[in-house]
Amino acid sequence: MTSVFVGIMGPDCTNYGVTSGKTNADLVLDGEPTSDQITHAKKSETPLLQLKPRRAGTIPMAVPYGETGYPMFGGHWIYTSDSRFPFEHPIPVHDRFEK
Protein backbone atom coordinates (compact mmCIF):
# COMPACT_ATOMS: atom_id res chain seq x y z
CA MET A 1 0.00 0.00 0.00
CA THR A 2 1.38 3.36 -1.00
CA SER A 3 0.19 6.88 -0.26
CA VAL A 4 -0.98 9.14 -3.08
CA PHE A 5 0.23 12.73 -2.99
CA VAL A 6 -1.00 15.65 -5.06
CA GLY A 7 1.68 18.11 -6.13
CA ILE A 8 1.73 21.41 -4.23
CA MET A 9 1.83 23.44 -7.43
CA GLY A 10 -1.72 22.84 -8.54
CA PRO A 11 -5.00 20.97 -8.47
CA ASP A 12 -5.77 17.41 -9.54
CA CYS A 13 -5.05 17.32 -13.27
CA THR A 14 -5.54 13.59 -13.84
CA ASN A 15 -8.72 14.00 -15.92
CA TYR A 16 -10.49 11.67 -13.45
CA GLY A 17 -7.62 9.18 -13.48
CA VAL A 18 -7.58 6.20 -11.11
CA THR A 19 -5.80 8.17 -8.35
CA SER A 20 -8.19 11.13 -8.53
CA GLY A 21 -9.66 11.63 -5.06
CA LYS A 22 -7.72 8.68 -3.62
CA THR A 23 -5.26 8.68 -0.73
CA ASN A 24 -3.86 5.16 -1.22
CA ALA A 25 -2.88 2.88 -4.09
CA ASP A 26 -1.47 -0.64 -4.39
CA LEU A 27 1.72 -1.04 -6.41
CA VAL A 28 2.57 -4.24 -8.31
CA LEU A 29 6.35 -4.50 -8.17
CA ASP A 30 7.06 -7.61 -10.24
CA GLY A 31 4.92 -9.07 -13.01
CA GLU A 32 1.33 -9.91 -12.20
CA PRO A 33 -0.61 -8.83 -9.12
CA THR A 34 -1.35 -11.43 -6.48
CA SER A 35 -4.91 -12.59 -5.94
CA ASP A 36 -4.83 -10.77 -2.59
CA GLN A 37 -3.92 -7.50 -4.33
CA ILE A 38 -6.72 -7.92 -6.87
CA THR A 39 -9.27 -8.76 -4.17
CA HIS A 40 -8.18 -5.83 -1.99
CA ALA A 41 -8.29 -3.42 -4.94
CA LYS A 42 -11.84 -4.47 -5.83
CA LYS A 43 -13.20 -4.43 -2.27
CA SER A 44 -11.64 -1.14 -1.21
CA GLU A 45 -11.73 0.57 -4.64
CA THR A 46 -7.99 1.15 -4.25
CA PRO A 47 -6.19 1.78 -7.57
CA LEU A 48 -3.81 -0.94 -8.70
CA LEU A 49 -0.64 0.48 -10.27
CA GLN A 50 2.41 -1.05 -11.93
CA LEU A 51 5.88 0.29 -12.67
CA LYS A 52 6.67 1.17 -16.26
CA PRO A 53 10.16 2.09 -17.47
CA ARG A 54 10.88 5.44 -19.06
CA ARG A 55 13.97 6.69 -20.84
CA ALA A 56 17.29 5.26 -19.68
CA GLY A 57 18.64 7.02 -16.61
CA THR A 58 15.29 8.26 -15.32
CA ILE A 59 13.05 6.87 -12.62
CA PRO A 60 10.15 4.71 -13.80
CA MET A 61 6.56 5.84 -13.59
CA ALA A 62 3.54 4.20 -12.04
CA VAL A 63 0.64 3.54 -14.42
CA PRO A 64 -2.78 1.91 -13.91
CA TYR A 65 -2.42 -1.87 -14.05
CA GLY A 66 -3.60 -3.33 -17.35
CA GLU A 67 -4.18 0.02 -19.09
CA THR A 68 -3.10 0.43 -22.67
CA GLY A 69 -2.44 3.65 -24.47
CA TYR A 70 -0.26 6.60 -23.65
CA PRO A 71 -0.70 7.84 -20.08
CA MET A 72 0.37 11.33 -19.03
CA PHE A 73 1.41 12.82 -15.71
CA GLY A 74 -1.55 14.35 -13.90
CA GLY A 75 0.22 15.77 -10.85
CA HIS A 76 0.06 12.79 -8.47
CA TRP A 77 2.96 10.95 -6.85
CA ILE A 78 3.14 7.76 -4.76
CA TYR A 79 5.41 6.83 -1.90
CA THR A 80 5.59 4.59 1.15
CA SER A 81 8.11 3.99 3.91
CA ASP A 82 7.75 0.22 3.39
CA SER A 83 11.21 -1.24 2.77
CA ARG A 84 9.94 -3.08 -0.34
CA PHE A 85 9.32 0.22 -2.14
CA PRO A 86 12.12 0.37 -4.72
CA PHE A 87 13.01 4.07 -4.32
CA GLU A 88 13.91 6.49 -1.56
CA HIS A 89 11.71 9.18 -3.08
CA PRO A 90 8.18 9.49 -4.49
CA ILE A 91 7.56 8.39 -8.08
CA PRO A 92 5.15 10.02 -10.55
CA VAL A 93 1.81 8.47 -11.40
CA HIS A 94 0.88 8.69 -15.07
CA ASP A 95 -2.87 8.06 -14.96
CA ARG A 96 -4.16 10.86 -17.17
CA PHE A 97 -5.70 9.66 -20.43
CA GLU A 98 -7.36 12.02 -22.89
CA LYS A 99 -10.96 11.09 -23.63
Foldseek 3Di string as FASTA:
>chain_A
DKFKDFAPPDDFQQQPFLCVPHGAAAEDEDDDDDPVNVVCCVVVVHFYWYWDQDDPPDGTEIEGPPDDDDFAFGRMWIDDPPPVPPDPDTHTYRGHDDD
